[in-house]
């Protein structure tokens, strides 16, 4: 497990320096991400992928998240509740350099009406 963490960490550094990762990440969020409004202001963001924990580890490391990645029947899920972490994701998605362009942009706009 430690060697996977080292590999993921070094890959994240190299990915952060690539020119396309941030745009790719916005597209991946558009396709696989979910902004969730919950009662009691316990809002969240989740993103999942079937049979690919490494990809979610890259996203987790990119945003410097402390969350554990959950697994259910070969489906990996990263859920984020902490406001500080949610702000990192929201700021990425609102960036003029990497904006969400589809239905997820509308979902994010609704999310922002309740997220403070």
PDB file of N, CA and C in Angstrom:
ATOM      1  N   UNK A   1       0.826  -1.198   0.000  1.00  0.00           N
ATOM      2  CA  UNK A   1       0.000   0.000   0.000  1.00  0.00           C
ATOM      3  C   UNK A   1       0.865   1.254   0.000  1.00  0.00           C
ATOM      4  N   UNK A   2       1.953   1.225   0.747  1.00  0.00           N
ATOM      5  CA  UNK A   2       2.829   2.393   0.805  1.00  0.00           C
ATOM      6  C   UNK A   2       3.432   2.695  -0.562  1.00  0.00           C
ATOM      7  N   UNK A   3       3.805   1.647  -1.295  1.00  0.00           N
ATOM      8  CA  UNK A   3       4.378   1.859  -2.624  1.00  0.00           C
ATOM      9  C   UNK A   3       3.349   2.456  -3.574  1.00  0.00           C
ATOM     10  N   UNK A   4       2.056   2.067  -3.450  1.00  0.00           N
ATOM     11  CA  UNK A   4       1.009   2.672  -4.263  1.00  0.00           C
ATOM     12  C   UNK A   4       0.885   4.152  -3.937  1.00  0.00           C
ATOM     13  N   UNK A   5       0.952   4.502  -2.649  1.00  0.00           N
ATOM     14  CA  UNK A   5       0.868   5.911  -2.253  1.00  0.00           C
ATOM     15  C   UNK A   5       2.031   6.712  -2.817  1.00  0.00           C
ATOM     16  N   UNK A   6       3.235   6.142  -2.795  1.00  0.00           N
ATOM     17  CA  UNK A   6       4.395   6.830  -3.355  1.00  0.00           C
ATOM     18  C   UNK A   6       4.224   7.026  -4.857  1.00  0.00           C
ATOM     19  N   UNK A   7       3.784   5.984  -5.536  1.00  0.00           N
ATOM     20  CA  UNK A   7       3.565   6.073  -6.977  1.00  0.00           C
ATOM     21  C   UNK A   7       2.502   7.117  -7.298  1.00  0.00           C
ATOM     22  N   UNK A   8       1.399   7.093  -6.567  1.00  0.00           N
ATOM     23  CA  UNK A   8       0.330   8.053  -6.788  1.00  0.00           C
ATOM     24  C   UNK A   8       0.825   9.467  -6.529  1.00  0.00           C
ATOM     25  N   UNK A   9       1.594   9.651  -5.448  1.00  0.00           N
ATOM     26  CA  UNK A   9       2.134  10.974  -5.131  1.00  0.00           C
ATOM     27  C   UNK A   9       3.050  11.496  -6.212  1.00  0.00           C
ATOM     28  N   UNK A  10       3.952  10.668  -6.713  1.00  0.00           N
ATOM     29  CA  UNK A  10       4.866  11.122  -7.761  1.00  0.00           C
ATOM     30  C   UNK A  10       4.119  11.348  -9.065  1.00  0.00           C
ATOM     31  N   UNK A  11       3.121  10.531  -9.362  1.00  0.00           N
ATOM     32  CA  UNK A  11       2.313  10.742 -10.561  1.00  0.00           C
ATOM     33  C   UNK A  11       1.516  12.036 -10.454  1.00  0.00           C
ATOM     34  N   UNK A  12       1.007  12.349  -9.263  1.00  0.00           N
ATOM     35  CA  UNK A  12       0.249  13.580  -9.077  1.00  0.00           C
ATOM     36  C   UNK A  12       1.122  14.788  -9.364  1.00  0.00           C
ATOM     37  N   UNK A  13       2.363  14.766  -8.901  1.00  0.00           N
ATOM     38  CA  UNK A  13       3.281  15.878  -9.180  1.00  0.00           C
ATOM     39  C   UNK A  13       3.467  16.049 -10.678  1.00  0.00           C
ATOM     40  N   UNK A  14       3.659  14.959 -11.386  1.00  0.00           N
ATOM     41  CA  UNK A  14       3.860  15.049 -12.820  1.00  0.00           C
ATOM     42  C   UNK A  14       2.575  15.470 -13.535  1.00  0.00           C
ATOM     43  N   UNK A  15       1.428  15.005 -13.057  1.00  0.00           N
ATOM     44  CA  UNK A  15       0.153  15.383 -13.654  1.00  0.00           C
ATOM     45  C   UNK A  15      -0.122  16.858 -13.439  1.00  0.00           C
ATOM     46  N   UNK A  16       0.176  17.375 -12.253  1.00  0.00           N
ATOM     47  CA  UNK A  16      -0.059  18.792 -11.976  1.00  0.00           C
ATOM     48  C   UNK A  16       0.735  19.680 -12.919  1.00  0.00           C
ATOM     49  N   UNK A  17       1.882  19.203 -13.361  1.00  0.00           N
ATOM     50  CA  UNK A  17       2.693  20.011 -14.260  1.00  0.00           C
ATOM     51  C   UNK A  17       2.261  19.858 -15.720  1.00  0.00           C
ATOM     52  N   UNK A  18       1.390  18.897 -16.013  1.00  0.00           N
ATOM     53  CA  UNK A  18       0.935  18.738 -17.398  1.00  0.00           C
ATOM     54  C   UNK A  18      -0.051  19.848 -17.743  1.00  0.00           C
ATOM     55  N   UNK A  19      -0.103  20.174 -19.013  1.00  0.00           N
ATOM     56  CA  UNK A  19      -0.938  21.299 -19.450  1.00  0.00           C
ATOM     57  C   UNK A  19      -2.417  20.948 -19.526  1.00  0.00           C
ATOM     58  N   UNK A  20      -2.734  19.698 -19.633  1.00  0.00           N
ATOM     59  CA  UNK A  20      -4.127  19.344 -19.880  1.00  0.00           C
ATOM     60  C   UNK A  20      -4.860  18.743 -18.688  1.00  0.00           C
ATOM     61  N   UNK A  21      -4.170  18.402 -17.613  1.00  0.00           N
ATOM     62  CA  UNK A  21      -4.825  17.675 -16.525  1.00  0.00           C
ATOM     63  C   UNK A  21      -6.008  18.449 -15.950  1.00  0.00           C
ATOM     64  N   UNK A  22      -5.846  19.735 -15.709  1.00  0.00           N
ATOM     65  CA  UNK A  22      -6.932  20.494 -15.089  1.00  0.00           C
ATOM     66  C   UNK A  22      -8.165  20.528 -15.989  1.00  0.00           C
ATOM     67  N   UNK A  23      -7.966  20.673 -17.291  1.00  0.00           N
ATOM     68  CA  UNK A  23      -9.100  20.639 -18.230  1.00  0.00           C
ATOM     69  C   UNK A  23      -9.721  19.251 -18.260  1.00  0.00           C
ATOM     70  N   UNK A  24      -8.871  18.222 -18.275  1.00  0.00           N
ATOM     71  CA  UNK A  24      -9.362  16.851 -18.250  1.00  0.00           C
ATOM     72  C   UNK A  24     -10.179  16.610 -16.983  1.00  0.00           C
ATOM     73  N   UNK A  25      -9.678  17.109 -15.844  1.00  0.00           N
ATOM     74  CA  UNK A  25     -10.364  16.920 -14.571  1.00  0.00           C
ATOM     75  C   UNK A  25     -11.752  17.559 -14.609  1.00  0.00           C
ATOM     76  N   UNK A  26     -11.862  18.738 -15.187  1.00  0.00           N
ATOM     77  CA  UNK A  26     -13.181  19.375 -15.311  1.00  0.00           C
ATOM     78  C   UNK A  26     -14.119  18.503 -16.141  1.00  0.00           C
ATOM     79  N   UNK A  27     -13.617  17.935 -17.215  1.00  0.00           N
ATOM     80  CA  UNK A  27     -14.432  17.048 -18.031  1.00  0.00           C
ATOM     81  C   UNK A  27     -14.827  15.786 -17.282  1.00  0.00           C
ATOM     82  N   UNK A  28     -13.914  15.252 -16.484  1.00  0.00           N
ATOM     83  CA  UNK A  28     -14.212  14.060 -15.697  1.00  0.00           C
ATOM     84  C   UNK A  28     -15.258  14.373 -14.633  1.00  0.00           C
ATOM     85  N   UNK A  29     -15.143  15.538 -14.008  1.00  0.00           N
ATOM     86  CA  UNK A  29     -16.155  15.966 -13.028  1.00  0.00           C
ATOM     87  C   UNK A  29     -17.499  16.124 -13.724  1.00  0.00           C
ATOM     88  N   UNK A  30     -17.483  16.703 -14.927  1.00  0.00           N
ATOM     89  CA  UNK A  30     -18.720  16.859 -15.710  1.00  0.00           C
ATOM     90  C   UNK A  30     -19.384  15.503 -15.945  1.00  0.00           C
ATOM     91  N   UNK A  31     -18.583  14.500 -16.232  1.00  0.00           N
ATOM     92  CA  UNK A  31     -19.121  13.180 -16.557  1.00  0.00           C
ATOM     93  C   UNK A  31     -19.453  12.338 -15.325  1.00  0.00           C
ATOM     94  N   UNK A  32     -18.627  12.390 -14.296  1.00  0.00           N
ATOM     95  CA  UNK A  32     -18.739  11.443 -13.186  1.00  0.00           C
ATOM     96  C   UNK A  32     -19.002  12.081 -11.822  1.00  0.00           C
ATOM     97  N   UNK A  33     -18.916  13.401 -11.721  1.00  0.00           N
ATOM     98  CA  UNK A  33     -19.061  14.066 -10.426  1.00  0.00           C
ATOM     99  C   UNK A  33     -20.513  14.333 -10.060  1.00  0.00           C
ATOM    100  N   UNK A  34     -20.748  14.580  -8.788  1.00  0.00           N
ATOM    101  CA  UNK A  34     -22.095  14.869  -8.300  1.00  0.00           C
ATOM    102  C   UNK A  34     -22.020  15.869  -7.148  1.00  0.00           C
ATOM    103  N   UNK A  35     -22.647  17.024  -7.339  1.00  0.00           N
ATOM    104  CA  UNK A  35     -22.783  18.003  -6.260  1.00  0.00           C
ATOM    105  C   UNK A  35     -24.114  17.723  -5.581  1.00  0.00           C
ATOM    106  N   UNK A  36     -24.086  17.426  -4.278  1.00  0.00           N
ATOM    107  CA  UNK A  36     -25.287  16.997  -3.554  1.00  0.00           C
ATOM    108  C   UNK A  36     -25.679  18.010  -2.492  1.00  0.00           C
ATOM    109  N   UNK A  37     -26.933  18.429  -2.551  1.00  0.00           N
ATOM    110  CA  UNK A  37     -27.499  19.279  -1.514  1.00  0.00           C
ATOM    111  C   UNK A  37     -28.242  18.372  -0.543  1.00  0.00           C
ATOM    112  N   UNK A  38     -27.908  18.502   0.716  1.00  0.00           N
ATOM    113  CA  UNK A  38     -28.502  17.630   1.732  1.00  0.00           C
ATOM    114  C   UNK A  38     -29.175  18.480   2.805  1.00  0.00           C
ATOM    115  N   UNK A  39     -30.146  17.895   3.468  1.00  0.00           N
ATOM    116  CA  UNK A  39     -30.791  18.601   4.569  1.00  0.00           C
ATOM    117  C   UNK A  39     -29.775  18.806   5.681  1.00  0.00           C
ATOM    118  N   UNK A  40     -29.944  19.855   6.415  1.00  0.00           N
ATOM    119  CA  UNK A  40     -29.032  20.146   7.516  1.00  0.00           C
ATOM    120  C   UNK A  40     -27.713  20.755   7.056  1.00  0.00           C
ATOM    121  N   UNK A  41     -27.660  21.247   5.825  1.00  0.00           N
ATOM    122  CA  UNK A  41     -26.461  21.894   5.282  1.00  0.00           C
ATOM    123  C   UNK A  41     -25.227  21.005   5.267  1.00  0.00           C
ATOM    124  N   UNK A  42     -25.407  19.706   5.254  1.00  0.00           N
ATOM    125  CA  UNK A  42     -24.290  18.773   5.177  1.00  0.00           C
ATOM    126  C   UNK A  42     -24.067  18.400   3.709  1.00  0.00           C
ATOM    127  N   UNK A  43     -23.822  19.422   2.871  1.00  0.00           N
ATOM    128  CA  UNK A  43     -23.700  19.247   1.437  1.00  0.00           C
ATOM    129  C   UNK A  43     -22.415  18.490   1.104  1.00  0.00           C
ATOM    130  N   UNK A  44     -22.383  17.904  -0.095  1.00  0.00           N
ATOM    131  CA  UNK A  44     -21.230  17.088  -0.439  1.00  0.00           C
ATOM    132  C   UNK A  44     -20.963  17.096  -1.943  1.00  0.00           C
ATOM    133  N   UNK A  45     -19.814  16.555  -2.273  1.00  0.00           N
ATOM    134  CA  UNK A  45     -19.435  16.284  -3.654  1.00  0.00           C
ATOM    135  C   UNK A  45     -18.933  14.849  -3.684  1.00  0.00           C
ATOM    136  N   UNK A  46     -19.301  14.125  -4.703  1.00  0.00           N
ATOM    137  CA  UNK A  46     -18.780  12.766  -4.844  1.00  0.00           C
ATOM    138  C   UNK A  46     -18.405  12.524  -6.301  1.00  0.00           C
ATOM    139  N   UNK A  47     -17.469  11.620  -6.459  1.00  0.00           N
ATOM    140  CA  UNK A  47     -17.044  11.212  -7.791  1.00  0.00           C
ATOM    141  C   UNK A  47     -16.628   9.753  -7.696  1.00  0.00           C
ATOM    142  N   UNK A  48     -17.015   8.984  -8.687  1.00  0.00           N
ATOM    143  CA  UNK A  48     -16.731   7.559  -8.625  1.00  0.00           C
ATOM    144  C   UNK A  48     -16.288   7.015  -9.967  1.00  0.00           C
ATOM    145  N   UNK A  49     -15.683   5.839  -9.890  1.00  0.00           N
ATOM    146  CA  UNK A  49     -15.202   5.175 -11.106  1.00  0.00           C
ATOM    147  C   UNK A  49     -15.184   3.674 -10.863  1.00  0.00           C
ATOM    148  N   UNK A  50     -15.617   2.941 -11.832  1.00  0.00           N
ATOM    149  CA  UNK A  50     -15.635   1.489 -11.780  1.00  0.00           C
ATOM    150  C   UNK A  50     -14.234   0.951 -12.074  1.00  0.00           C
ATOM    151  N   UNK A  51     -13.719   0.123 -11.192  1.00  0.00           N
ATOM    152  CA  UNK A  51     -12.427  -0.572 -11.352  1.00  0.00           C
ATOM    153  C   UNK A  51     -11.232   0.353 -11.549  1.00  0.00           C
ATOM    154  N   UNK A  52     -11.232   1.545 -10.961  1.00  0.00           N
ATOM    155  CA  UNK A  52     -10.080   2.430 -11.139  1.00  0.00           C
ATOM    156  C   UNK A  52      -9.845   3.305  -9.905  1.00  0.00           C
ATOM    157  N   UNK A  53      -9.293   2.706  -8.881  1.00  0.00           N
ATOM    158  CA  UNK A  53      -8.981   3.446  -7.659  1.00  0.00           C
ATOM    159  C   UNK A  53      -7.861   4.449  -7.905  1.00  0.00           C
ATOM    160  N   UNK A  54      -6.913   4.091  -8.759  1.00  0.00           N
ATOM    161  CA  UNK A  54      -5.761   4.954  -9.028  1.00  0.00           C
ATOM    162  C   UNK A  54      -6.200   6.330  -9.507  1.00  0.00           C
ATOM    163  N   UNK A  55      -7.188   6.377 -10.385  1.00  0.00           N
ATOM    164  CA  UNK A  55      -7.688   7.645 -10.907  1.00  0.00           C
ATOM    165  C   UNK A  55      -8.247   8.516  -9.788  1.00  0.00           C
ATOM    166  N   UNK A  56      -8.997   7.899  -8.885  1.00  0.00           N
ATOM    167  CA  UNK A  56      -9.554   8.664  -7.763  1.00  0.00           C
ATOM    168  C   UNK A  56      -8.463   9.091  -6.792  1.00  0.00           C
ATOM    169  N   UNK A  57      -7.424   8.278  -6.641  1.00  0.00           N
ATOM    170  CA  UNK A  57      -6.278   8.674  -5.813  1.00  0.00           C
ATOM    171  C   UNK A  57      -5.612   9.922  -6.402  1.00  0.00           C
ATOM    172  N   UNK A  58      -5.513   9.976  -7.721  1.00  0.00           N
ATOM    173  CA  UNK A  58      -4.924  11.143  -8.376  1.00  0.00           C
ATOM    174  C   UNK A  58      -5.749  12.401  -8.083  1.00  0.00           C
ATOM    175  N   UNK A  59      -7.043  12.283  -8.164  1.00  0.00           N
ATOM    176  CA  UNK A  59      -7.931  13.421  -7.895  1.00  0.00           C
ATOM    177  C   UNK A  59      -7.836  13.805  -6.425  1.00  0.00           C
ATOM    178  N   UNK A  60      -7.848  12.821  -5.556  1.00  0.00           N
ATOM    179  CA  UNK A  60      -7.721  13.070  -4.113  1.00  0.00           C
ATOM    180  C   UNK A  60      -6.420  13.821  -3.812  1.00  0.00           C
ATOM    181  N   UNK A  61      -5.326  13.374  -4.397  1.00  0.00           N
ATOM    182  CA  UNK A  61      -4.034  14.037  -4.179  1.00  0.00           C
ATOM    183  C   UNK A  61      -3.978  15.410  -4.826  1.00  0.00           C
ATOM    184  N   UNK A  62      -4.595  15.570  -5.968  1.00  0.00           N
ATOM    185  CA  UNK A  62      -4.599  16.870  -6.648  1.00  0.00           C
ATOM    186  C   UNK A  62      -5.245  17.938  -5.760  1.00  0.00           C
ATOM    187  N   UNK A  63      -6.377  17.589  -5.153  1.00  0.00           N
ATOM    188  CA  UNK A  63      -7.092  18.536  -4.293  1.00  0.00           C
ATOM    189  C   UNK A  63      -6.603  18.503  -2.844  1.00  0.00           C
ATOM    190  N   UNK A  64      -5.649  17.640  -2.541  1.00  0.00           N
ATOM    191  CA  UNK A  64      -5.108  17.471  -1.188  1.00  0.00           C
ATOM    192  C   UNK A  64      -6.252  17.180  -0.200  1.00  0.00           C
ATOM    193  N   UNK A  65      -6.962  16.097  -0.466  1.00  0.00           N
ATOM    194  CA  UNK A  65      -8.101  15.684   0.354  1.00  0.00           C
ATOM    195  C   UNK A  65      -7.671  14.599   1.328  1.00  0.00           C
ATOM    196  N   UNK A  66      -8.273  14.603   2.504  1.00  0.00           N
ATOM    197  CA  UNK A  66      -7.936  13.598   3.512  1.00  0.00           C
ATOM    198  C   UNK A  66      -8.912  12.417   3.504  1.00  0.00           C
ATOM    199  N   UNK A  67      -9.921  12.483   2.684  1.00  0.00           N
ATOM    200  CA  UNK A  67     -10.959  11.451   2.645  1.00  0.00           C
ATOM    201  C   UNK A  67     -10.427  10.101   2.191  1.00  0.00           C
ATOM    202  N   UNK A  68     -11.033   9.051   2.711  1.00  0.00           N
ATOM    203  CA  UNK A  68     -10.741   7.699   2.232  1.00  0.00           C
ATOM    204  C   UNK A  68     -11.608   7.403   1.016  1.00  0.00           C
ATOM    205  N   UNK A  69     -11.077   6.622   0.118  1.00  0.00           N
ATOM    206  CA  UNK A  69     -11.848   6.188  -1.042  1.00  0.00           C
ATOM    207  C   UNK A  69     -12.567   4.904  -0.657  1.00  0.00           C
ATOM    208  N   UNK A  70     -13.866   4.883  -0.861  1.00  0.00           N
ATOM    209  CA  UNK A  70     -14.679   3.719  -0.513  1.00  0.00           C
ATOM    210  C   UNK A  70     -14.773   2.785  -1.714  1.00  0.00           C
ATOM    211  N   UNK A  71     -14.974   1.518  -1.439  1.00  0.00           N
ATOM    212  CA  UNK A  71     -15.133   0.531  -2.512  1.00  0.00           C
ATOM    213  C   UNK A  71     -16.349  -0.334  -2.245  1.00  0.00           C
ATOM    214  N   UNK A  72     -17.127  -0.545  -3.305  1.00  0.00           N
ATOM    215  CA  UNK A  72     -18.277  -1.465  -3.260  1.00  0.00           C
ATOM    216  C   UNK A  72     -18.345  -2.174  -4.607  1.00  0.00           C
ATOM    217  N   UNK A  73     -18.070  -3.458  -4.592  1.00  0.00           N
ATOM    218  CA  UNK A  73     -18.187  -4.285  -5.802  1.00  0.00           C
ATOM    219  C   UNK A  73     -17.424  -3.687  -6.989  1.00  0.00           C
ATOM    220  N   UNK A  74     -16.162  -3.414  -6.817  1.00  0.00           N
ATOM    221  CA  UNK A  74     -15.290  -2.861  -7.854  1.00  0.00           C
ATOM    222  C   UNK A  74     -15.621  -1.427  -8.253  1.00  0.00           C
ATOM    223  N   UNK A  75     -16.492  -0.758  -7.513  1.00  0.00           N
ATOM    224  CA  UNK A  75     -16.798   0.649  -7.765  1.00  0.00           C
ATOM    225  C   UNK A  75     -16.145   1.473  -6.665  1.00  0.00           C
ATOM    226  N   UNK A  76     -15.299   2.411  -7.052  1.00  0.00           N
ATOM    227  CA  UNK A  76     -14.578   3.258  -6.103  1.00  0.00           C
ATOM    228  C   UNK A  76     -15.257   4.613  -6.036  1.00  0.00           C
ATOM    229  N   UNK A  77     -15.395   5.135  -4.821  1.00  0.00           N
ATOM    230  CA  UNK A  77     -16.125   6.372  -4.607  1.00  0.00           C
ATOM    231  C   UNK A  77     -15.350   7.286  -3.664  1.00  0.00           C
ATOM    232  N   UNK A  78     -15.218   8.532  -4.069  1.00  0.00           N
ATOM    233  CA  UNK A  78     -14.597   9.565  -3.252  1.00  0.00           C
ATOM    234  C   UNK A  78     -15.693  10.562  -2.900  1.00  0.00           C
ATOM    235  N   UNK A  79     -16.001  10.679  -1.606  1.00  0.00           N
ATOM    236  CA  UNK A  79     -17.023  11.610  -1.135  1.00  0.00           C
ATOM    237  C   UNK A  79     -16.368  12.679  -0.278  1.00  0.00           C
ATOM    238  N   UNK A  80     -16.786  13.927  -0.479  1.00  0.00           N
ATOM    239  CA  UNK A  80     -16.192  15.071   0.209  1.00  0.00           C
ATOM    240  C   UNK A  80     -17.295  15.857   0.900  1.00  0.00           C
ATOM    241  N   UNK A  81     -17.097  16.121   2.202  1.00  0.00           N
ATOM    242  CA  UNK A  81     -18.067  16.880   2.994  1.00  0.00           C
ATOM    243  C   UNK A  81     -17.469  18.145   3.608  1.00  0.00           C
ATOM    244  N   UNK A  82     -16.178  18.125   3.903  1.00  0.00           N
ATOM    245  CA  UNK A  82     -15.554  19.272   4.574  1.00  0.00           C
ATOM    246  C   UNK A  82     -15.628  20.508   3.688  1.00  0.00           C
ATOM    247  N   UNK A  83     -16.058  21.633   4.289  1.00  0.00           N
ATOM    248  CA  UNK A  83     -16.232  22.861   3.512  1.00  0.00           C
ATOM    249  C   UNK A  83     -14.937  23.309   2.843  1.00  0.00           C
ATOM    250  N   UNK A  84     -13.838  23.182   3.551  1.00  0.00           N
ATOM    251  CA  UNK A  84     -12.546  23.583   2.980  1.00  0.00           C
ATOM    252  C   UNK A  84     -12.242  22.775   1.716  1.00  0.00           C
ATOM    253  N   UNK A  85     -12.491  21.488   1.765  1.00  0.00           N
ATOM    254  CA  UNK A  85     -12.256  20.619   0.611  1.00  0.00           C
ATOM    255  C   UNK A  85     -13.248  20.918  -0.509  1.00  0.00           C
ATOM    256  N   UNK A  86     -14.513  21.138  -0.152  1.00  0.00           N
ATOM    257  CA  UNK A  86     -15.514  21.481  -1.158  1.00  0.00           C
ATOM    258  C   UNK A  86     -15.150  22.778  -1.871  1.00  0.00           C
ATOM    259  N   UNK A  87     -14.610  23.733  -1.130  1.00  0.00           N
ATOM    260  CA  UNK A  87     -14.210  25.007  -1.753  1.00  0.00           C
ATOM    261  C   UNK A  87     -13.121  24.802  -2.803  1.00  0.00           C
ATOM    262  N   UNK A  88     -12.188  23.898  -2.536  1.00  0.00           N
ATOM    263  CA  UNK A  88     -11.134  23.611  -3.514  1.00  0.00           C
ATOM    264  C   UNK A  88     -11.741  23.098  -4.818  1.00  0.00           C
ATOM    265  N   UNK A  89     -12.690  22.191  -4.683  1.00  0.00           N
ATOM    266  CA  UNK A  89     -13.327  21.607  -5.863  1.00  0.00           C
ATOM    267  C   UNK A  89     -14.168  22.649  -6.583  1.00  0.00           C
ATOM    268  N   UNK A  90     -14.953  23.412  -5.838  1.00  0.00           N
ATOM    269  CA  UNK A  90     -15.788  24.458  -6.430  1.00  0.00           C
ATOM    270  C   UNK A  90     -14.920  25.497  -7.136  1.00  0.00           C
ATOM    271  N   UNK A  91     -13.843  25.933  -6.492  1.00  0.00           N
ATOM    272  CA  UNK A  91     -12.966  26.925  -7.120  1.00  0.00           C
ATOM    273  C   UNK A  91     -12.375  26.407  -8.422  1.00  0.00           C
ATOM    274  N   UNK A  92     -12.011  25.136  -8.434  1.00  0.00           N
ATOM    275  CA  UNK A  92     -11.506  24.545  -9.679  1.00  0.00           C
ATOM    276  C   UNK A  92     -12.575  24.616 -10.765  1.00  0.00           C
ATOM    277  N   UNK A  93     -13.796  24.255 -10.406  1.00  0.00           N
ATOM    278  CA  UNK A  93     -14.889  24.200 -11.381  1.00  0.00           C
ATOM    279  C   UNK A  93     -15.351  25.580 -11.834  1.00  0.00           C
ATOM    280  N   UNK A  94     -15.092  26.607 -11.044  1.00  0.00           N
ATOM    281  CA  UNK A  94     -15.484  27.973 -11.407  1.00  0.00           C
ATOM    282  C   UNK A  94     -14.377  28.719 -12.149  1.00  0.00           C
ATOM    283  N   UNK A  95     -13.215  28.126 -12.210  1.00  0.00           N
ATOM    284  CA  UNK A  95     -12.082  28.756 -12.871  1.00  0.00           C
ATOM    285  C   UNK A  95     -12.415  29.059 -14.330  1.00  0.00           C
ATOM    286  N   UNK A  96     -12.067  30.250 -14.788  1.00  0.00           N
ATOM    287  CA  UNK A  96     -12.309  30.583 -16.192  1.00  0.00           C
ATOM    288  C   UNK A  96     -11.436  29.748 -17.111  1.00  0.00           C
ATOM    289  N   UNK A  97     -10.367  29.173 -16.549  1.00  0.00           N
ATOM    290  CA  UNK A  97      -9.464  28.325 -17.315  1.00  0.00           C
ATOM    291  C   UNK A  97     -10.016  26.910 -17.499  1.00  0.00           C
ATOM    292  N   UNK A  98     -10.795  26.423 -16.537  1.00  0.00           N
ATOM    293  CA  UNK A  98     -11.288  25.034 -16.549  1.00  0.00           C
ATOM    294  C   UNK A  98     -12.761  24.940 -16.162  1.00  0.00           C
ATOM    295  N   UNK A  99     -13.633  25.714 -16.767  1.00  0.00           N
ATOM    296  CA  UNK A  99     -15.026  25.715 -16.294  1.00  0.00           C
ATOM    297  C   UNK A  99     -15.769  24.438 -16.679  1.00  0.00           C
ATOM    298  N   UNK A 100     -16.788  24.141 -15.905  1.00  0.00           N
ATOM    299  CA  UNK A 100     -17.722  23.089 -16.308  1.00  0.00           C
ATOM    300  C   UNK A 100     -18.579  23.674 -17.425  1.00  0.00           C
ATOM    301  N   UNK A 101     -18.896  22.879 -18.422  1.00  0.00           N
ATOM    302  CA  UNK A 101     -19.573  23.418 -19.603  1.00  0.00           C
ATOM    303  C   UNK A 101     -20.932  22.787 -19.893  1.00  0.00           C
ATOM    304  N   UNK A 102     -21.280  21.746 -19.192  1.00  0.00           N
ATOM    305  CA  UNK A 102     -22.523  21.047 -19.494  1.00  0.00           C
ATOM    306  C   UNK A 102     -23.531  21.146 -18.369  1.00  0.00           C
ATOM    307  N   UNK A 103     -24.295  20.075 -18.219  1.00  0.00           N
ATOM    308  CA  UNK A 103     -25.344  20.021 -17.193  1.00  0.00           C
ATOM    309  C   UNK A 103     -24.776  20.164 -15.792  1.00  0.00           C
ATOM    310  N   UNK A 104     -23.530  19.726 -15.589  1.00  0.00           N
ATOM    311  CA  UNK A 104     -22.926  19.831 -14.255  1.00  0.00           C
ATOM    312  C   UNK A 104     -22.704  21.291 -13.867  1.00  0.00           C
ATOM    313  N   UNK A 105     -22.556  22.190 -14.842  1.00  0.00           N
ATOM    314  CA  UNK A 105     -22.441  23.621 -14.539  1.00  0.00           C
ATOM    315  C   UNK A 105     -23.736  24.118 -13.896  1.00  0.00           C
ATOM    316  N   UNK A 106     -24.872  23.632 -14.383  1.00  0.00           N
ATOM    317  CA  UNK A 106     -26.168  23.995 -13.787  1.00  0.00           C
ATOM    318  C   UNK A 106     -26.300  23.401 -12.392  1.00  0.00           C
ATOM    319  N   UNK A 107     -25.835  22.170 -12.238  1.00  0.00           N
ATOM    320  CA  UNK A 107     -25.861  21.519 -10.939  1.00  0.00           C
ATOM    321  C   UNK A 107     -24.997  22.277  -9.939  1.00  0.00           C
ATOM    322  N   UNK A 108     -23.831  22.723 -10.383  1.00  0.00           N
ATOM    323  CA  UNK A 108     -22.939  23.504  -9.523  1.00  0.00           C
ATOM    324  C   UNK A 108     -23.582  24.839  -9.150  1.00  0.00           C
ATOM    325  N   UNK A 109     -24.237  25.488 -10.100  1.00  0.00           N
ATOM    326  CA  UNK A 109     -24.900  26.769  -9.815  1.00  0.00           C
ATOM    327  C   UNK A 109     -25.968  26.588  -8.736  1.00  0.00           C
ATOM    328  N   UNK A 110     -26.742  25.522  -8.819  1.00  0.00           N
ATOM    329  CA  UNK A 110     -27.745  25.232  -7.788  1.00  0.00           C
ATOM    330  C   UNK A 110     -27.068  24.929  -6.458  1.00  0.00           C
ATOM    331  N   UNK A 111     -26.010  24.156  -6.502  1.00  0.00           N
ATOM    332  CA  UNK A 111     -25.242  23.827  -5.294  1.00  0.00           C
ATOM    333  C   UNK A 111     -24.769  25.104  -4.602  1.00  0.00           C
ATOM    334  N   UNK A 112     -24.293  26.066  -5.385  1.00  0.00           N
ATOM    335  CA  UNK A 112     -23.767  27.308  -4.824  1.00  0.00           C
ATOM    336  C   UNK A 112     -24.834  28.176  -4.174  1.00  0.00           C
ATOM    337  N   UNK A 113     -26.102  27.984  -4.526  1.00  0.00           N
ATOM    338  CA  UNK A 113     -27.171  28.769  -3.877  1.00  0.00           C
ATOM    339  C   UNK A 113     -27.336  28.370  -2.423  1.00  0.00           C
ATOM    340  N   UNK A 114     -26.927  27.144  -2.078  1.00  0.00           N
ATOM    341  CA  UNK A 114     -27.077  26.644  -0.703  1.00  0.00           C
ATOM    342  C   UNK A 114     -25.754  26.499   0.044  1.00  0.00           C
ATOM    343  N   UNK A 115     -24.661  26.362  -0.712  1.00  0.00           N
ATOM    344  CA  UNK A 115     -23.345  26.170  -0.096  1.00  0.00           C
ATOM    345  C   UNK A 115     -22.779  27.533   0.276  1.00  0.00           C
ATOM    346  N   UNK A 116     -22.369  27.660   1.527  1.00  0.00           N
ATOM    347  CA  UNK A 116     -21.831  28.952   1.997  1.00  0.00           C
ATOM    348  C   UNK A 116     -20.387  28.765   2.395  1.00  0.00           C
TER     349      UNK A 116
END
